[in-house]
N, C-alpha and C. Protein backbone atom coordinates (compact mmCIF):
# COMPACT_ATOMS: atom_id res chain seq x y z
N MET A 1 24.72 9.74 30.65
CA MET A 1 23.35 10.14 30.41
C MET A 1 22.41 9.16 31.10
N SER A 2 21.35 9.69 31.63
CA SER A 2 20.41 8.84 32.33
C SER A 2 19.42 8.17 31.38
N ASN A 3 19.31 8.70 30.15
CA ASN A 3 18.35 8.15 29.21
C ASN A 3 18.98 7.00 28.43
N SER A 4 18.25 5.90 28.30
CA SER A 4 18.70 4.80 27.47
C SER A 4 18.67 5.23 26.02
N SER A 5 19.69 4.80 25.24
CA SER A 5 19.73 5.19 23.84
C SER A 5 18.58 4.59 23.04
N SER A 6 17.97 3.53 23.56
CA SER A 6 16.87 2.88 22.84
C SER A 6 15.50 3.48 23.20
N LYS A 7 15.45 4.29 24.22
CA LYS A 7 14.17 4.86 24.66
C LYS A 7 13.82 6.07 23.80
N PRO A 8 12.67 6.07 23.14
CA PRO A 8 12.32 7.22 22.29
C PRO A 8 12.00 8.45 23.13
N PRO A 9 12.22 9.64 22.57
CA PRO A 9 11.89 10.87 23.30
C PRO A 9 10.39 10.96 23.58
N SER A 10 10.06 11.60 24.67
CA SER A 10 8.66 11.76 25.05
C SER A 10 7.96 12.76 24.13
N ALA A 11 6.64 12.70 24.12
CA ALA A 11 5.86 13.66 23.34
C ALA A 11 6.09 15.08 23.85
N GLU A 12 6.27 15.23 25.17
CA GLU A 12 6.51 16.55 25.76
C GLU A 12 7.81 17.15 25.25
N MET A 13 8.87 16.32 25.17
CA MET A 13 10.15 16.83 24.69
C MET A 13 10.09 17.14 23.21
N ARG A 14 9.41 16.32 22.44
CA ARG A 14 9.28 16.60 21.00
C ARG A 14 8.55 17.94 20.78
N ALA A 15 7.50 18.18 21.56
CA ALA A 15 6.77 19.44 21.44
C ALA A 15 7.63 20.62 21.87
N ALA A 16 8.45 20.43 22.91
CA ALA A 16 9.30 21.51 23.40
C ALA A 16 10.37 21.87 22.39
N VAL A 17 10.98 20.87 21.75
CA VAL A 17 11.99 21.14 20.73
C VAL A 17 11.37 21.83 19.52
N ASP A 18 10.20 21.39 19.12
CA ASP A 18 9.51 22.03 18.00
C ASP A 18 9.20 23.49 18.33
N GLU A 19 8.78 23.74 19.57
CA GLU A 19 8.51 25.11 20.01
C GLU A 19 9.78 25.95 19.96
N ALA A 20 10.90 25.36 20.39
CA ALA A 20 12.18 26.08 20.38
C ALA A 20 12.59 26.46 18.97
N ILE A 21 12.44 25.54 18.02
CA ILE A 21 12.80 25.84 16.63
C ILE A 21 11.94 26.98 16.09
N LYS A 22 10.66 26.94 16.39
CA LYS A 22 9.75 27.99 15.91
C LYS A 22 10.07 29.34 16.55
N GLU A 23 10.49 29.33 17.82
CA GLU A 23 10.87 30.57 18.49
C GLU A 23 12.12 31.17 17.83
N LEU A 24 13.07 30.31 17.45
CA LEU A 24 14.28 30.79 16.78
C LEU A 24 13.94 31.40 15.42
N GLU A 25 12.99 30.81 14.72
CA GLU A 25 12.60 31.36 13.42
C GLU A 25 12.04 32.77 13.56
N LYS A 26 11.38 33.06 14.67
CA LYS A 26 10.83 34.40 14.89
C LYS A 26 11.93 35.44 15.11
N LEU A 27 13.07 35.00 15.65
CA LEU A 27 14.15 35.94 15.98
C LEU A 27 14.76 36.57 14.75
N ILE A 28 14.69 35.90 13.61
CA ILE A 28 15.37 36.40 12.42
C ILE A 28 14.37 36.86 11.36
N SER A 29 13.24 37.39 11.81
CA SER A 29 12.21 37.84 10.87
C SER A 29 12.60 39.14 10.16
N ASP A 30 13.55 39.89 10.72
CA ASP A 30 13.96 41.16 10.11
C ASP A 30 15.22 40.93 9.27
N PRO A 31 15.11 40.91 7.95
CA PRO A 31 16.29 40.62 7.11
C PRO A 31 17.36 41.69 7.18
N THR A 32 17.02 42.91 7.61
CA THR A 32 18.02 43.97 7.67
C THR A 32 19.03 43.73 8.79
N SER A 33 18.72 42.81 9.73
CA SER A 33 19.64 42.55 10.84
C SER A 33 20.75 41.58 10.45
N ILE A 34 20.59 40.88 9.32
CA ILE A 34 21.57 39.87 8.92
C ILE A 34 22.84 40.54 8.44
N GLY A 35 23.96 40.15 9.02
CA GLY A 35 25.26 40.64 8.59
C GLY A 35 25.63 42.01 9.11
N THR A 36 24.81 42.60 9.98
CA THR A 36 25.11 43.96 10.46
C THR A 36 26.19 43.96 11.53
N CYS A 37 26.47 42.82 12.16
CA CYS A 37 27.50 42.76 13.19
C CYS A 37 28.35 41.50 12.97
N PRO A 38 29.36 41.58 12.11
CA PRO A 38 30.17 40.40 11.80
C PRO A 38 30.88 39.81 13.02
N GLU A 39 31.13 40.63 14.05
CA GLU A 39 31.83 40.13 15.22
C GLU A 39 30.98 39.15 16.03
N LEU A 40 29.67 39.25 15.90
CA LEU A 40 28.77 38.34 16.61
C LEU A 40 27.79 37.72 15.61
N PRO A 41 28.28 36.80 14.78
CA PRO A 41 27.43 36.26 13.73
C PRO A 41 26.27 35.44 14.29
N GLY A 42 25.07 35.72 13.78
CA GLY A 42 23.92 34.93 14.20
C GLY A 42 23.52 35.12 15.64
N ILE A 43 23.72 36.33 16.18
CA ILE A 43 23.45 36.59 17.59
C ILE A 43 22.48 37.77 17.71
N VAL A 44 21.51 37.63 18.59
CA VAL A 44 20.67 38.76 18.96
C VAL A 44 20.78 38.95 20.47
N LEU A 45 20.47 40.14 20.94
CA LEU A 45 20.47 40.40 22.37
C LEU A 45 19.05 40.28 22.90
N ASP A 46 18.89 39.41 23.87
CA ASP A 46 17.58 39.12 24.46
C ASP A 46 17.53 39.78 25.84
N ARG A 47 16.58 40.69 26.03
CA ARG A 47 16.45 41.38 27.32
C ARG A 47 15.54 40.57 28.24
N ILE A 48 16.07 40.18 29.39
CA ILE A 48 15.29 39.46 30.38
C ILE A 48 15.34 40.26 31.69
N VAL A 49 14.50 39.90 32.61
CA VAL A 49 14.58 40.43 33.97
C VAL A 49 14.92 39.25 34.87
N GLY A 50 16.06 39.31 35.51
CA GLY A 50 16.50 38.18 36.31
C GLY A 50 17.37 38.57 37.48
N GLN A 51 17.67 37.58 38.29
CA GLN A 51 18.48 37.80 39.48
C GLN A 51 19.43 36.62 39.65
N PRO A 52 20.73 36.89 39.82
CA PRO A 52 21.69 35.79 40.02
C PRO A 52 21.37 34.99 41.28
N LEU A 53 21.57 33.68 41.19
CA LEU A 53 21.33 32.79 42.31
C LEU A 53 22.62 32.45 43.02
N ASP A 54 22.50 32.13 44.29
CA ASP A 54 23.62 31.56 45.04
C ASP A 54 23.84 30.15 44.52
N ARG A 55 25.04 29.84 44.06
CA ARG A 55 25.32 28.53 43.49
C ARG A 55 25.30 27.41 44.52
N THR A 56 25.22 27.76 45.77
CA THR A 56 25.08 26.73 46.81
C THR A 56 23.63 26.56 47.24
N SER A 57 22.71 27.28 46.59
CA SER A 57 21.31 27.24 46.99
C SER A 57 20.63 25.96 46.50
N GLU A 58 19.53 25.62 47.14
CA GLU A 58 18.75 24.44 46.75
C GLU A 58 18.14 24.64 45.36
N GLU A 59 17.71 25.84 45.05
CA GLU A 59 17.11 26.12 43.75
C GLU A 59 18.09 25.85 42.62
N TYR A 60 19.32 26.32 42.78
CA TYR A 60 20.34 26.09 41.76
C TYR A 60 20.65 24.60 41.64
N ASP A 61 20.75 23.91 42.77
CA ASP A 61 21.03 22.47 42.77
C ASP A 61 19.92 21.69 42.07
N GLN A 62 18.68 22.02 42.33
CA GLN A 62 17.56 21.33 41.69
C GLN A 62 17.52 21.59 40.19
N THR A 63 17.80 22.82 39.80
CA THR A 63 17.82 23.16 38.38
C THR A 63 18.90 22.38 37.65
N THR A 64 20.08 22.27 38.26
CA THR A 64 21.18 21.54 37.66
C THR A 64 20.86 20.06 37.53
N LYS A 65 20.29 19.46 38.56
CA LYS A 65 19.94 18.05 38.51
C LYS A 65 18.88 17.78 37.44
N ALA A 66 17.90 18.67 37.32
CA ALA A 66 16.86 18.50 36.31
C ALA A 66 17.45 18.58 34.91
N TYR A 67 18.41 19.48 34.72
CA TYR A 67 19.06 19.62 33.42
C TYR A 67 19.84 18.37 33.05
N VAL A 68 20.63 17.86 33.97
CA VAL A 68 21.42 16.66 33.71
C VAL A 68 20.51 15.48 33.36
N LYS A 69 19.37 15.41 34.02
CA LYS A 69 18.43 14.30 33.81
C LYS A 69 17.81 14.34 32.41
N MET A 70 17.57 15.54 31.88
CA MET A 70 16.85 15.64 30.61
C MET A 70 17.73 15.94 29.40
N ARG A 71 19.01 16.22 29.62
CA ARG A 71 19.88 16.65 28.51
C ARG A 71 19.98 15.60 27.41
N GLY A 72 20.14 14.33 27.78
CA GLY A 72 20.26 13.28 26.78
C GLY A 72 19.03 13.18 25.91
N GLU A 73 17.86 13.30 26.52
CA GLU A 73 16.62 13.24 25.76
C GLU A 73 16.51 14.43 24.81
N TYR A 74 16.96 15.60 25.26
CA TYR A 74 16.95 16.78 24.39
C TYR A 74 17.82 16.56 23.16
N LEU A 75 19.04 16.05 23.36
CA LEU A 75 19.95 15.84 22.23
C LEU A 75 19.35 14.87 21.22
N LYS A 76 18.75 13.79 21.73
CA LYS A 76 18.11 12.82 20.84
C LYS A 76 16.97 13.45 20.06
N THR A 77 16.17 14.25 20.74
CA THR A 77 15.00 14.86 20.11
C THR A 77 15.42 15.86 19.06
N LEU A 78 16.46 16.66 19.33
CA LEU A 78 16.94 17.64 18.36
C LEU A 78 17.45 16.94 17.11
N ALA A 79 18.09 15.78 17.28
CA ALA A 79 18.60 15.03 16.13
C ALA A 79 17.49 14.40 15.31
N LEU A 80 16.31 14.24 15.90
CA LEU A 80 15.17 13.64 15.20
C LEU A 80 14.27 14.69 14.54
N HIS A 81 14.36 15.93 14.99
CA HIS A 81 13.52 17.00 14.44
C HIS A 81 14.00 17.31 13.02
N PRO A 82 13.10 17.46 12.05
CA PRO A 82 13.52 17.69 10.66
C PRO A 82 14.48 18.87 10.49
N VAL A 83 14.17 20.00 11.08
CA VAL A 83 15.06 21.16 10.96
C VAL A 83 16.29 20.97 11.84
N GLY A 84 16.08 20.49 13.07
CA GLY A 84 17.21 20.25 13.97
C GLY A 84 18.22 19.30 13.38
N ARG A 85 17.75 18.24 12.73
CA ARG A 85 18.66 17.25 12.15
C ARG A 85 19.47 17.85 11.00
N SER A 86 18.82 18.65 10.17
CA SER A 86 19.53 19.30 9.06
C SER A 86 20.64 20.21 9.59
N LEU A 87 20.31 21.00 10.61
CA LEU A 87 21.31 21.89 11.20
C LEU A 87 22.42 21.09 11.88
N ALA A 88 22.05 19.97 12.52
CA ALA A 88 23.06 19.13 13.18
C ALA A 88 24.03 18.54 12.18
N LEU A 89 23.52 18.08 11.05
CA LEU A 89 24.41 17.52 10.02
C LEU A 89 25.38 18.56 9.51
N LEU A 90 24.90 19.80 9.32
CA LEU A 90 25.79 20.87 8.88
C LEU A 90 26.82 21.23 9.94
N ALA A 91 26.41 21.20 11.21
CA ALA A 91 27.29 21.66 12.29
C ALA A 91 28.26 20.59 12.77
N VAL A 92 27.78 19.36 12.96
CA VAL A 92 28.63 18.34 13.61
C VAL A 92 28.83 17.09 12.76
N GLY A 93 28.24 17.04 11.57
CA GLY A 93 28.45 15.93 10.67
C GLY A 93 27.70 14.67 11.09
N PRO A 94 27.74 13.64 10.24
CA PRO A 94 26.98 12.41 10.53
C PRO A 94 27.42 11.70 11.80
N ASP A 95 28.73 11.73 12.11
CA ASP A 95 29.18 11.08 13.35
C ASP A 95 28.63 11.80 14.57
N GLY A 96 28.60 13.13 14.52
CA GLY A 96 28.04 13.89 15.62
C GLY A 96 26.55 13.63 15.79
N VAL A 97 25.85 13.49 14.67
CA VAL A 97 24.41 13.22 14.73
C VAL A 97 24.17 11.85 15.37
N ARG A 98 25.00 10.86 15.02
CA ARG A 98 24.84 9.53 15.62
C ARG A 98 25.03 9.58 17.13
N LEU A 99 25.97 10.39 17.60
CA LEU A 99 26.16 10.55 19.04
C LEU A 99 24.92 11.19 19.67
N MET A 100 24.39 12.19 19.02
CA MET A 100 23.18 12.85 19.54
C MET A 100 22.01 11.88 19.59
N GLU A 101 21.89 11.04 18.59
CA GLU A 101 20.81 10.06 18.55
C GLU A 101 20.86 9.10 19.74
N SER A 102 22.06 8.90 20.28
CA SER A 102 22.21 8.04 21.45
C SER A 102 22.18 8.83 22.76
N GLY A 103 21.92 10.15 22.67
CA GLY A 103 21.80 10.98 23.86
C GLY A 103 23.11 11.53 24.37
N HIS A 104 24.15 11.57 23.53
CA HIS A 104 25.45 12.07 23.94
C HIS A 104 25.81 13.36 23.21
N SER A 105 26.66 14.16 23.82
CA SER A 105 27.13 15.38 23.18
C SER A 105 27.91 15.03 21.92
N PRO A 106 27.70 15.79 20.84
CA PRO A 106 28.35 15.44 19.58
C PRO A 106 29.82 15.84 19.53
N SER A 107 30.53 15.24 18.59
CA SER A 107 31.89 15.65 18.26
C SER A 107 32.09 15.34 16.78
N SER A 108 33.03 16.02 16.17
CA SER A 108 33.29 15.79 14.75
C SER A 108 34.79 15.82 14.51
N VAL A 109 35.25 15.02 13.55
CA VAL A 109 36.67 14.99 13.19
C VAL A 109 36.94 16.18 12.28
N ILE A 110 37.93 17.00 12.67
CA ILE A 110 38.22 18.17 11.84
C ILE A 110 39.49 18.00 11.02
N ASN A 111 40.40 17.09 11.41
CA ASN A 111 41.52 16.76 10.54
C ASN A 111 42.18 15.48 11.05
N ALA A 112 43.00 14.90 10.19
CA ALA A 112 43.72 13.68 10.52
C ALA A 112 45.16 13.86 10.09
N ALA A 113 46.08 13.31 10.87
CA ALA A 113 47.50 13.44 10.55
C ALA A 113 48.18 12.09 10.74
N GLN A 114 49.19 11.84 9.89
CA GLN A 114 49.94 10.59 10.00
C GLN A 114 51.40 10.87 9.71
N THR A 115 52.27 10.35 10.56
CA THR A 115 53.70 10.43 10.33
C THR A 115 54.22 9.04 9.99
N ILE A 116 55.42 8.97 9.51
CA ILE A 116 56.00 7.69 9.09
C ILE A 116 56.04 6.72 10.26
N ASN A 117 55.57 5.51 10.01
CA ASN A 117 55.55 4.42 11.00
C ASN A 117 54.71 4.75 12.24
N GLN A 118 53.78 5.67 12.11
CA GLN A 118 52.90 6.02 13.21
C GLN A 118 51.44 5.86 12.76
N PRO A 119 50.57 5.49 13.67
CA PRO A 119 49.15 5.37 13.29
C PRO A 119 48.55 6.74 12.98
N VAL A 120 47.45 6.72 12.27
CA VAL A 120 46.74 7.96 11.95
C VAL A 120 46.18 8.56 13.24
N ARG A 121 46.36 9.85 13.40
CA ARG A 121 45.83 10.55 14.57
C ARG A 121 44.74 11.52 14.12
N PHE A 122 43.62 11.42 14.77
CA PHE A 122 42.49 12.27 14.45
C PHE A 122 42.36 13.35 15.50
N ARG A 123 42.00 14.56 15.06
CA ARG A 123 41.71 15.64 15.99
C ARG A 123 40.22 15.92 15.93
N LYS A 124 39.58 15.89 17.07
CA LYS A 124 38.14 16.08 17.13
C LYS A 124 37.77 17.45 17.66
N GLN A 125 36.65 17.92 17.19
CA GLN A 125 36.06 19.14 17.72
C GLN A 125 34.89 18.71 18.59
N HIS A 126 34.92 19.09 19.86
CA HIS A 126 33.90 18.66 20.80
C HIS A 126 32.84 19.75 20.97
N TYR A 127 31.62 19.30 21.20
CA TYR A 127 30.49 20.20 21.40
C TYR A 127 29.80 19.84 22.70
N ASN A 128 29.21 20.83 23.32
CA ASN A 128 28.42 20.59 24.52
C ASN A 128 27.15 21.43 24.49
N CYS A 129 26.16 20.96 25.21
CA CYS A 129 24.90 21.68 25.34
C CYS A 129 25.04 22.69 26.48
N HIS A 130 24.72 23.93 26.19
CA HIS A 130 24.85 25.02 27.18
C HIS A 130 23.53 25.76 27.33
N HIS A 131 23.38 26.41 28.46
CA HIS A 131 22.25 27.31 28.68
C HIS A 131 22.58 28.69 28.11
N VAL A 132 21.63 29.27 27.39
CA VAL A 132 21.78 30.65 26.93
C VAL A 132 21.61 31.60 28.11
N ILE A 133 20.49 31.47 28.83
CA ILE A 133 20.34 32.13 30.13
C ILE A 133 20.88 31.14 31.15
N PRO A 134 21.92 31.46 31.91
CA PRO A 134 22.56 30.49 32.79
C PRO A 134 21.63 29.91 33.85
N LYS A 135 21.98 28.73 34.31
CA LYS A 135 21.23 28.09 35.41
C LYS A 135 21.31 28.93 36.68
N SER A 136 22.31 29.79 36.76
CA SER A 136 22.52 30.58 37.97
C SER A 136 21.75 31.90 37.96
N VAL A 137 20.83 32.07 37.01
CA VAL A 137 20.00 33.26 36.94
C VAL A 137 18.54 32.87 37.07
N ALA A 138 17.86 33.44 38.05
CA ALA A 138 16.42 33.22 38.22
C ALA A 138 15.69 34.25 37.37
N VAL A 139 14.86 33.79 36.44
CA VAL A 139 14.13 34.68 35.57
C VAL A 139 12.82 35.07 36.23
N ALA A 140 12.51 36.36 36.22
CA ALA A 140 11.27 36.83 36.82
C ALA A 140 10.08 36.18 36.13
N GLY A 141 9.12 35.73 36.92
CA GLY A 141 7.93 35.11 36.36
C GLY A 141 8.01 33.60 36.27
N GLY A 142 9.07 33.00 36.80
CA GLY A 142 9.14 31.54 36.81
C GLY A 142 10.46 31.01 36.29
N ARG A 143 10.70 29.71 36.53
CA ARG A 143 11.96 29.07 36.18
C ARG A 143 11.85 28.17 34.96
N ALA A 144 10.67 28.10 34.35
CA ALA A 144 10.47 27.14 33.27
C ALA A 144 11.43 27.36 32.11
N ALA A 145 11.79 28.62 31.83
CA ALA A 145 12.61 28.91 30.66
C ALA A 145 14.03 28.37 30.78
N ILE A 146 14.52 28.19 31.99
CA ILE A 146 15.92 27.79 32.16
C ILE A 146 16.20 26.42 31.57
N ASN A 147 15.38 25.43 31.88
CA ASN A 147 15.60 24.07 31.37
C ASN A 147 14.64 23.72 30.24
N HIS A 148 14.30 24.70 29.43
CA HIS A 148 13.49 24.47 28.24
C HIS A 148 14.42 24.49 27.02
N PRO A 149 14.17 23.65 26.00
CA PRO A 149 15.05 23.63 24.83
C PRO A 149 15.26 24.98 24.16
N ARG A 150 14.33 25.92 24.30
CA ARG A 150 14.54 27.23 23.69
C ARG A 150 15.68 27.99 24.38
N ASN A 151 16.12 27.50 25.53
CA ASN A 151 17.23 28.13 26.25
C ASN A 151 18.54 27.38 26.05
N PHE A 152 18.59 26.42 25.12
CA PHE A 152 19.80 25.62 24.92
C PHE A 152 20.47 25.95 23.60
N VAL A 153 21.78 25.80 23.57
CA VAL A 153 22.55 25.92 22.34
C VAL A 153 23.67 24.87 22.39
N ILE A 154 23.95 24.27 21.24
CA ILE A 154 25.06 23.32 21.12
C ILE A 154 26.24 24.10 20.58
N ALA A 155 27.28 24.28 21.39
CA ALA A 155 28.43 25.09 21.01
C ALA A 155 29.70 24.27 21.06
N ASN A 156 30.61 24.54 20.10
CA ASN A 156 31.89 23.85 20.16
C ASN A 156 32.65 24.35 21.39
N THR A 157 33.33 23.43 22.04
CA THR A 157 33.91 23.70 23.36
C THR A 157 35.41 23.45 23.34
N THR A 158 36.19 24.51 23.57
CA THR A 158 37.64 24.35 23.74
C THR A 158 37.90 23.86 25.14
N ARG A 159 38.50 22.68 25.27
CA ARG A 159 38.61 22.05 26.57
C ARG A 159 39.96 22.26 27.26
N ARG A 160 41.00 22.59 26.53
CA ARG A 160 42.33 22.68 27.14
C ARG A 160 42.86 24.10 27.10
N GLY A 161 43.60 24.44 28.14
CA GLY A 161 44.27 25.73 28.17
C GLY A 161 43.37 26.87 28.58
N ARG A 162 43.98 28.01 28.82
CA ARG A 162 43.24 29.18 29.27
C ARG A 162 42.62 29.97 28.14
N ASP A 163 43.11 29.79 26.93
CA ASP A 163 42.56 30.52 25.79
C ASP A 163 41.27 29.85 25.35
N GLN A 164 40.15 30.44 25.74
CA GLN A 164 38.84 29.91 25.38
C GLN A 164 38.17 30.79 24.31
N SER A 165 38.97 31.55 23.56
CA SER A 165 38.40 32.48 22.59
C SER A 165 37.69 31.77 21.45
N GLN A 166 38.00 30.50 21.23
CA GLN A 166 37.31 29.75 20.17
C GLN A 166 36.06 29.05 20.70
N ASN A 167 35.76 29.24 21.96
CA ASN A 167 34.54 28.69 22.55
C ASN A 167 33.51 29.82 22.58
N PRO A 168 32.58 29.84 21.63
CA PRO A 168 31.70 31.01 21.53
C PRO A 168 30.84 31.23 22.76
N HIS A 169 30.37 30.15 23.37
CA HIS A 169 29.52 30.30 24.56
C HIS A 169 30.31 31.00 25.67
N HIS A 170 31.51 30.53 25.94
CA HIS A 170 32.35 31.13 26.98
C HIS A 170 32.68 32.58 26.62
N PHE A 171 33.01 32.81 25.36
CA PHE A 171 33.43 34.14 24.91
C PHE A 171 32.31 35.15 25.08
N TRP A 172 31.10 34.81 24.60
CA TRP A 172 29.98 35.75 24.67
C TRP A 172 29.58 36.03 26.12
N HIS A 173 29.57 34.96 26.92
CA HIS A 173 29.16 35.16 28.31
C HIS A 173 30.20 35.96 29.08
N ALA A 174 31.47 35.64 28.89
CA ALA A 174 32.52 36.36 29.61
C ALA A 174 32.57 37.82 29.18
N LEU A 175 32.35 38.07 27.91
CA LEU A 175 32.44 39.43 27.37
C LEU A 175 31.26 40.29 27.76
N PHE A 176 30.06 39.69 27.73
CA PHE A 176 28.86 40.53 27.83
C PHE A 176 27.95 40.19 28.99
N LEU A 177 27.76 38.90 29.26
CA LEU A 177 26.77 38.52 30.27
C LEU A 177 27.30 38.59 31.69
N HIS A 178 28.45 37.99 31.94
CA HIS A 178 28.96 37.90 33.30
C HIS A 178 29.15 39.27 33.98
N PRO A 179 29.67 40.29 33.28
CA PRO A 179 29.80 41.59 33.95
C PRO A 179 28.47 42.15 34.45
N GLN A 180 27.37 41.80 33.79
CA GLN A 180 26.07 42.31 34.22
C GLN A 180 25.57 41.65 35.50
N THR A 181 26.03 40.43 35.76
CA THR A 181 25.54 39.68 36.93
C THR A 181 26.56 39.63 38.06
N HIS A 182 27.68 40.31 37.91
CA HIS A 182 28.73 40.27 38.92
C HIS A 182 28.44 41.28 40.04
N ARG A 183 28.27 40.77 41.25
CA ARG A 183 28.05 41.60 42.44
C ARG A 183 26.87 42.57 42.29
N VAL A 184 25.80 42.09 41.71
CA VAL A 184 24.61 42.94 41.58
C VAL A 184 23.85 42.91 42.89
N VAL A 185 22.98 43.89 43.07
CA VAL A 185 22.19 43.96 44.29
C VAL A 185 21.21 42.81 44.34
N ASP A 186 20.71 42.52 45.51
CA ASP A 186 19.84 41.35 45.72
C ASP A 186 18.40 41.65 45.28
N GLN A 187 18.23 41.85 43.98
CA GLN A 187 16.91 42.09 43.42
C GLN A 187 16.97 41.81 41.92
N SER A 188 15.80 41.68 41.29
CA SER A 188 15.76 41.43 39.85
C SER A 188 16.14 42.69 39.09
N ASN A 189 16.90 42.50 38.01
CA ASN A 189 17.36 43.60 37.18
C ASN A 189 17.28 43.21 35.71
N PRO A 190 17.20 44.19 34.82
CA PRO A 190 17.28 43.87 33.39
C PRO A 190 18.66 43.31 33.06
N ILE A 191 18.67 42.23 32.28
CA ILE A 191 19.92 41.59 31.86
C ILE A 191 19.81 41.31 30.37
N TYR A 192 20.86 41.65 29.63
CA TYR A 192 20.88 41.38 28.19
C TYR A 192 21.71 40.12 27.93
N VAL A 193 21.08 39.15 27.28
CA VAL A 193 21.69 37.84 27.06
C VAL A 193 22.01 37.67 25.58
N PRO A 194 23.26 37.30 25.21
CA PRO A 194 23.56 36.99 23.81
C PRO A 194 22.87 35.68 23.42
N ARG A 195 21.91 35.76 22.52
CA ARG A 195 21.15 34.57 22.13
C ARG A 195 21.42 34.20 20.68
N PRO A 196 22.00 33.01 20.45
CA PRO A 196 22.18 32.54 19.07
C PRO A 196 20.84 32.31 18.39
N VAL A 197 20.77 32.51 17.09
CA VAL A 197 19.52 32.32 16.37
C VAL A 197 19.44 30.91 15.76
N PHE A 198 20.38 30.05 16.10
CA PHE A 198 20.35 28.65 15.69
C PHE A 198 20.63 27.79 16.91
N PRO A 199 20.15 26.55 16.94
CA PRO A 199 20.47 25.68 18.09
C PRO A 199 21.92 25.20 18.09
N PHE A 200 22.65 25.45 16.98
CA PHE A 200 24.07 25.14 16.91
C PHE A 200 24.80 26.43 16.59
N THR A 201 25.99 26.58 17.14
CA THR A 201 26.71 27.81 16.87
C THR A 201 28.21 27.56 16.82
N HIS A 202 28.88 28.30 15.96
CA HIS A 202 30.33 28.30 15.85
C HIS A 202 30.79 29.74 15.97
N ARG A 203 32.06 29.90 16.27
CA ARG A 203 32.60 31.26 16.24
C ARG A 203 33.37 31.45 14.96
C-alpha cells in the first residue's frame, strides 16, 4: 500500500465513504425485495450504460494505477466510519478491522487445528477490495464512478484452485456480468451489474 498506516484519511475520502454508505441505504428502501432471491442474497441489479475497454489502453492503465494508489486509504476510512466499522466487525472480525485500519486487505481466522506434537495451524479467510463495475468498463457520462467507494465491495476471495464458487465477486461476475461484455460491438450498451447492498459480502 502506498499510504502510511499513520497517515489519517483525507476529508475527501471520508466524504466519499459516507456518500457510499448513504447510497447503499437507498438501495434497500423497498422491504418487499428482502429475501425474494435466496440465490443472490443482498444483491440488486444496477443498470448502467457502458462500454468495455481495451485492457492494454492508457485509460485502463491510468484507472488501475489510481485505484492501487487510493485503495489503502479507502480501507482505512471504511474501518473508521461508524456504519462501515460495525459491518467490518461482523464480516471480518477485530483482526480484519485492525488490518483495514493499517490500509491492508482484511483476513479472519475461521478455524484452528492441532495434531499431536504439531503446532496449532490456523486457516484464514482472505478478503479483497473489488470493483462492482469493473475497471475495464467505461461508464457513459464519465469515469468518476469506477474508482469511487460506492463502486467497491470487500469480498472473501478463494485464492487456490479452479473452483471459485465460494468467491462471490468472481461468481456473480462470471455468471452474469462477463457474458454481457464479451465481444460486444464498439459502442456503449446497457449493462446489468450485480451490486451488493453492503460494502462487505459473503456467499
